[in-house]
């Protein structure tokens, strides 16, 4: 019985890990441009971006609960020249000129 439960637990954990990994693409770079829109959304670009083509932006929705925190992180990262990492939804295609909503944003210190 314990062996079966252990095997089931490991299978579940493996599935969760693979699912979490498949949920987003990660792009890292220095902040190149930040554009707060009149709608309350934040648009930004990264320097030397391998994902966004042309004038496409990453977007933070106006109703995001992390909007103010991520905006502050973008501003301080832009000022210091530090890189940020953007996580995109899995279905987001790189190389297009479409704006891309983000899942989350972080910065290593």
N, C-alpha and C. Protein backbone atom coordinates (compact mmCIF):
# COMPACT_ATOMS: atom_id res chain seq x y z
N UNK A 1 0.83 -1.20 0.00
CA UNK A 1 0.00 0.00 0.00
C UNK A 1 0.87 1.25 0.00
N UNK A 2 1.90 1.29 0.85
CA UNK A 2 2.79 2.45 0.90
C UNK A 2 3.54 2.62 -0.41
N UNK A 3 3.94 1.51 -1.02
CA UNK A 3 4.65 1.58 -2.29
C UNK A 3 3.75 2.18 -3.37
N UNK A 4 2.50 1.78 -3.38
CA UNK A 4 1.56 2.32 -4.36
C UNK A 4 1.33 3.82 -4.15
N UNK A 5 1.18 4.24 -2.88
CA UNK A 5 1.00 5.66 -2.58
C UNK A 5 2.24 6.46 -2.96
N UNK A 6 3.42 5.92 -2.66
CA UNK A 6 4.66 6.60 -3.01
C UNK A 6 4.79 6.74 -4.52
N UNK A 7 4.50 5.68 -5.24
CA UNK A 7 4.58 5.72 -6.70
C UNK A 7 3.58 6.73 -7.27
N UNK A 8 2.39 6.75 -6.71
CA UNK A 8 1.37 7.70 -7.18
C UNK A 8 1.79 9.14 -6.87
N UNK A 9 2.39 9.36 -5.72
CA UNK A 9 2.84 10.70 -5.33
C UNK A 9 3.96 11.16 -6.26
N UNK A 10 4.93 10.31 -6.55
CA UNK A 10 6.02 10.67 -7.45
C UNK A 10 5.50 10.94 -8.86
N UNK A 11 4.54 10.15 -9.30
CA UNK A 11 3.95 10.37 -10.62
C UNK A 11 3.24 11.72 -10.67
N UNK A 12 2.50 12.03 -9.62
CA UNK A 12 1.80 13.31 -9.56
C UNK A 12 2.77 14.47 -9.54
N UNK A 13 3.83 14.37 -8.73
CA UNK A 13 4.82 15.44 -8.66
C UNK A 13 5.53 15.62 -10.00
N UNK A 14 5.84 14.53 -10.66
CA UNK A 14 6.46 14.62 -11.98
C UNK A 14 5.57 15.30 -12.99
N UNK A 15 4.28 14.96 -12.97
CA UNK A 15 3.33 15.59 -13.87
C UNK A 15 3.20 17.08 -13.57
N UNK A 16 3.13 17.45 -12.29
CA UNK A 16 3.02 18.86 -11.92
C UNK A 16 4.25 19.63 -12.36
N UNK A 17 5.42 19.05 -12.18
CA UNK A 17 6.66 19.73 -12.59
C UNK A 17 6.69 19.94 -14.10
N UNK A 18 6.29 18.93 -14.86
CA UNK A 18 6.30 19.08 -16.32
C UNK A 18 5.24 20.07 -16.78
N UNK A 19 4.11 20.10 -16.11
CA UNK A 19 3.05 21.04 -16.46
C UNK A 19 3.48 22.47 -16.14
N UNK A 20 4.08 22.68 -14.98
CA UNK A 20 4.54 24.03 -14.61
C UNK A 20 5.61 24.51 -15.57
N UNK A 21 6.50 23.61 -15.98
CA UNK A 21 7.56 24.00 -16.89
C UNK A 21 7.01 24.37 -18.26
N UNK A 22 5.96 23.72 -18.68
CA UNK A 22 5.40 23.96 -20.01
C UNK A 22 4.49 25.18 -20.05
N UNK A 23 4.24 25.81 -18.94
CA UNK A 23 3.29 26.89 -18.89
C UNK A 23 3.81 28.21 -19.47
N UNK A 24 5.13 28.44 -19.55
CA UNK A 24 5.58 29.73 -20.00
C UNK A 24 6.94 29.68 -20.65
N UNK A 25 7.21 30.69 -21.46
CA UNK A 25 8.52 30.92 -22.04
C UNK A 25 9.16 32.05 -21.25
N UNK A 26 10.48 31.98 -21.07
CA UNK A 26 11.18 33.00 -20.29
C UNK A 26 12.11 33.80 -21.20
N UNK A 27 12.05 35.11 -21.08
CA UNK A 27 12.91 36.02 -21.82
C UNK A 27 13.57 36.95 -20.82
N UNK A 28 14.88 37.11 -20.91
CA UNK A 28 15.62 37.97 -19.98
C UNK A 28 16.33 39.06 -20.75
N UNK A 29 16.30 40.28 -20.22
CA UNK A 29 17.01 41.38 -20.86
C UNK A 29 16.86 42.66 -20.06
N UNK A 30 17.66 43.63 -20.42
CA UNK A 30 17.58 44.96 -19.80
C UNK A 30 16.35 45.69 -20.34
N UNK A 31 15.75 46.51 -19.51
CA UNK A 31 14.56 47.26 -19.91
C UNK A 31 14.96 48.36 -20.89
N UNK A 32 14.30 48.38 -22.04
CA UNK A 32 14.61 49.36 -23.06
C UNK A 32 13.63 50.52 -23.10
N UNK A 33 12.37 50.23 -22.89
CA UNK A 33 11.33 51.26 -22.97
C UNK A 33 10.17 50.87 -22.09
N UNK A 34 9.58 51.85 -21.40
CA UNK A 34 8.39 51.64 -20.57
C UNK A 34 7.34 52.66 -21.00
N UNK A 35 6.14 52.18 -21.24
CA UNK A 35 5.07 53.04 -21.71
C UNK A 35 3.81 52.80 -20.89
N UNK A 36 3.52 53.67 -19.90
CA UNK A 36 2.25 53.55 -19.18
C UNK A 36 1.13 54.16 -20.05
N UNK A 37 0.11 53.39 -20.33
CA UNK A 37 -0.95 53.87 -21.22
C UNK A 37 -2.05 54.58 -20.44
N UNK A 38 -2.88 55.29 -21.16
CA UNK A 38 -3.98 56.01 -20.53
C UNK A 38 -5.06 55.06 -20.01
N UNK A 39 -5.03 53.79 -20.43
CA UNK A 39 -5.99 52.80 -19.95
C UNK A 39 -5.57 52.20 -18.61
N UNK A 40 -4.34 52.50 -18.18
CA UNK A 40 -3.83 51.95 -16.93
C UNK A 40 -2.90 50.76 -17.13
N UNK A 41 -2.85 50.22 -18.34
CA UNK A 41 -1.94 49.11 -18.62
C UNK A 41 -0.52 49.64 -18.78
N UNK A 42 0.45 48.75 -18.57
CA UNK A 42 1.86 49.10 -18.75
C UNK A 42 2.39 48.29 -19.93
N UNK A 43 3.04 48.98 -20.85
CA UNK A 43 3.70 48.35 -21.99
C UNK A 43 5.20 48.56 -21.82
N UNK A 44 6.00 47.53 -22.12
CA UNK A 44 7.45 47.69 -22.02
C UNK A 44 8.17 46.81 -23.03
N UNK A 45 9.40 47.22 -23.35
CA UNK A 45 10.26 46.48 -24.25
C UNK A 45 11.58 46.18 -23.56
N UNK A 46 12.24 45.13 -24.02
CA UNK A 46 13.57 44.79 -23.54
C UNK A 46 14.59 45.09 -24.63
N UNK A 47 15.79 45.47 -24.22
CA UNK A 47 16.87 45.69 -25.18
C UNK A 47 17.34 44.33 -25.71
N UNK A 48 17.76 44.29 -26.95
CA UNK A 48 18.29 43.06 -27.57
C UNK A 48 17.35 41.89 -27.33
N UNK A 49 16.08 42.10 -27.60
CA UNK A 49 15.04 41.11 -27.32
C UNK A 49 14.98 40.04 -28.41
N UNK A 50 15.06 38.79 -28.01
CA UNK A 50 15.02 37.69 -28.96
C UNK A 50 13.58 37.24 -29.27
N UNK A 51 12.60 37.80 -28.57
CA UNK A 51 11.22 37.35 -28.75
C UNK A 51 10.35 38.37 -29.48
N UNK A 52 10.44 39.62 -29.10
CA UNK A 52 9.58 40.64 -29.70
C UNK A 52 10.20 41.18 -30.97
N UNK A 53 9.43 41.26 -32.02
CA UNK A 53 9.89 41.81 -33.29
C UNK A 53 9.28 43.18 -33.50
N UNK A 54 10.02 44.03 -34.18
CA UNK A 54 9.50 45.36 -34.50
C UNK A 54 9.21 46.18 -33.27
N UNK A 55 8.03 46.77 -33.24
CA UNK A 55 7.64 47.62 -32.13
C UNK A 55 6.69 46.93 -31.16
N UNK A 56 6.76 45.62 -31.06
CA UNK A 56 5.88 44.89 -30.14
C UNK A 56 6.31 45.14 -28.70
N UNK A 57 5.35 45.11 -27.81
CA UNK A 57 5.58 45.34 -26.39
C UNK A 57 5.11 44.13 -25.57
N UNK A 58 5.68 43.99 -24.40
CA UNK A 58 5.12 43.11 -23.39
C UNK A 58 4.12 43.95 -22.63
N UNK A 59 3.03 43.35 -22.17
CA UNK A 59 1.98 44.13 -21.52
C UNK A 59 1.64 43.59 -20.14
N UNK A 60 1.35 44.53 -19.25
CA UNK A 60 0.83 44.20 -17.92
C UNK A 60 -0.56 44.82 -17.87
N UNK A 61 -1.57 43.99 -17.71
CA UNK A 61 -2.95 44.45 -17.74
C UNK A 61 -3.24 45.43 -16.61
N UNK A 62 -4.12 46.38 -16.89
CA UNK A 62 -4.49 47.39 -15.90
C UNK A 62 -5.11 46.79 -14.65
N UNK A 63 -5.77 45.64 -14.79
CA UNK A 63 -6.42 45.02 -13.64
C UNK A 63 -5.54 43.99 -12.93
N UNK A 64 -4.26 43.92 -13.29
CA UNK A 64 -3.35 42.98 -12.64
C UNK A 64 -3.11 43.40 -11.19
N UNK A 65 -3.18 42.43 -10.28
CA UNK A 65 -2.96 42.74 -8.86
C UNK A 65 -1.50 43.10 -8.59
N UNK A 66 -0.60 42.75 -9.51
CA UNK A 66 0.83 43.04 -9.32
C UNK A 66 1.30 44.24 -10.14
N UNK A 67 0.38 44.97 -10.74
CA UNK A 67 0.73 46.07 -11.64
C UNK A 67 1.70 47.06 -11.00
N UNK A 68 1.40 47.56 -9.83
CA UNK A 68 2.25 48.58 -9.19
C UNK A 68 3.62 48.02 -8.83
N UNK A 69 3.65 46.79 -8.36
CA UNK A 69 4.92 46.16 -7.98
C UNK A 69 5.79 45.95 -9.21
N UNK A 70 5.20 45.41 -10.28
CA UNK A 70 5.97 45.17 -11.49
C UNK A 70 6.40 46.47 -12.15
N UNK A 71 5.57 47.49 -12.10
CA UNK A 71 5.93 48.79 -12.66
C UNK A 71 7.13 49.37 -11.91
N UNK A 72 7.10 49.29 -10.58
CA UNK A 72 8.24 49.76 -9.78
C UNK A 72 9.50 48.97 -10.12
N UNK A 73 9.36 47.66 -10.30
CA UNK A 73 10.51 46.83 -10.64
C UNK A 73 11.07 47.22 -12.01
N UNK A 74 10.19 47.48 -12.96
CA UNK A 74 10.64 47.90 -14.29
C UNK A 74 11.38 49.23 -14.22
N UNK A 75 10.85 50.18 -13.45
CA UNK A 75 11.49 51.49 -13.34
C UNK A 75 12.87 51.40 -12.69
N UNK A 76 12.97 50.65 -11.59
CA UNK A 76 14.28 50.54 -10.92
C UNK A 76 15.26 49.74 -11.76
N UNK A 77 14.79 48.75 -12.48
CA UNK A 77 15.66 47.96 -13.35
C UNK A 77 16.15 48.80 -14.52
N UNK A 78 15.29 49.62 -15.07
CA UNK A 78 15.68 50.50 -16.17
C UNK A 78 16.72 51.51 -15.69
N UNK A 79 16.52 52.06 -14.51
CA UNK A 79 17.44 53.04 -13.96
C UNK A 79 18.82 52.44 -13.68
N UNK A 80 18.84 51.23 -13.16
CA UNK A 80 20.11 50.60 -12.78
C UNK A 80 20.75 49.80 -13.91
N UNK A 81 19.99 49.52 -14.97
CA UNK A 81 20.51 48.72 -16.07
C UNK A 81 20.46 47.22 -15.80
N UNK A 82 19.79 46.82 -14.72
CA UNK A 82 19.67 45.41 -14.38
C UNK A 82 18.68 44.70 -15.29
N UNK A 83 18.93 43.44 -15.53
CA UNK A 83 18.04 42.65 -16.39
C UNK A 83 16.83 42.16 -15.60
N UNK A 84 15.72 42.01 -16.30
CA UNK A 84 14.52 41.40 -15.74
C UNK A 84 14.19 40.16 -16.57
N UNK A 85 13.45 39.25 -15.99
CA UNK A 85 13.00 38.06 -16.71
C UNK A 85 11.49 38.12 -16.81
N UNK A 86 11.00 37.92 -18.02
CA UNK A 86 9.58 37.96 -18.32
C UNK A 86 9.12 36.54 -18.62
N UNK A 87 8.04 36.12 -17.99
CA UNK A 87 7.44 34.82 -18.28
C UNK A 87 6.19 35.04 -19.12
N UNK A 88 6.16 34.39 -20.27
CA UNK A 88 5.03 34.52 -21.18
C UNK A 88 4.18 33.27 -21.14
N UNK A 89 2.88 33.40 -21.41
CA UNK A 89 2.04 32.22 -21.51
C UNK A 89 2.57 31.28 -22.60
N UNK A 90 2.35 30.01 -22.43
CA UNK A 90 2.87 28.99 -23.34
C UNK A 90 2.44 29.24 -24.79
N UNK A 91 1.24 29.67 -25.00
CA UNK A 91 0.71 29.84 -26.35
C UNK A 91 1.25 31.08 -27.05
N UNK A 92 2.04 31.90 -26.38
CA UNK A 92 2.56 33.13 -26.97
C UNK A 92 3.67 32.81 -27.96
N UNK A 93 3.54 33.32 -29.17
CA UNK A 93 4.54 33.07 -30.21
C UNK A 93 5.55 34.20 -30.26
N UNK A 94 6.83 33.85 -30.13
CA UNK A 94 7.90 34.83 -30.29
C UNK A 94 8.09 35.14 -31.76
N UNK A 95 8.67 36.30 -32.03
CA UNK A 95 8.98 36.69 -33.40
C UNK A 95 7.85 37.41 -34.10
N UNK A 96 6.73 37.54 -33.46
CA UNK A 96 5.60 38.25 -34.08
C UNK A 96 5.62 39.71 -33.67
N UNK A 97 4.87 40.52 -34.36
CA UNK A 97 4.78 41.94 -34.02
C UNK A 97 3.60 42.23 -33.10
N UNK A 98 2.98 41.18 -32.55
CA UNK A 98 1.87 41.36 -31.63
C UNK A 98 2.38 41.69 -30.23
N UNK A 99 1.65 42.55 -29.51
CA UNK A 99 1.97 42.77 -28.10
C UNK A 99 1.71 41.48 -27.34
N UNK A 100 2.50 41.25 -26.29
CA UNK A 100 2.42 39.98 -25.58
C UNK A 100 2.13 40.20 -24.09
N UNK A 101 0.99 39.71 -23.60
CA UNK A 101 0.71 39.79 -22.16
C UNK A 101 1.68 38.87 -21.41
N UNK A 102 2.03 39.24 -20.19
CA UNK A 102 2.97 38.43 -19.42
C UNK A 102 2.26 37.66 -18.32
N UNK A 103 2.86 36.53 -17.92
CA UNK A 103 2.37 35.79 -16.76
C UNK A 103 2.91 36.41 -15.48
N UNK A 104 4.22 36.67 -15.48
CA UNK A 104 4.86 37.31 -14.33
C UNK A 104 6.20 37.87 -14.74
N UNK A 105 6.82 38.59 -13.84
CA UNK A 105 8.07 39.31 -14.07
C UNK A 105 8.91 39.18 -12.82
N UNK A 106 10.22 38.97 -12.97
CA UNK A 106 11.09 38.97 -11.79
C UNK A 106 12.47 39.47 -12.15
N UNK A 107 13.24 39.77 -11.10
CA UNK A 107 14.60 40.27 -11.24
C UNK A 107 15.48 39.55 -10.24
N UNK A 108 16.62 39.05 -10.70
CA UNK A 108 17.60 38.44 -9.80
C UNK A 108 18.47 39.52 -9.17
N UNK A 109 18.79 39.35 -7.91
CA UNK A 109 19.67 40.31 -7.22
C UNK A 109 20.95 39.64 -6.83
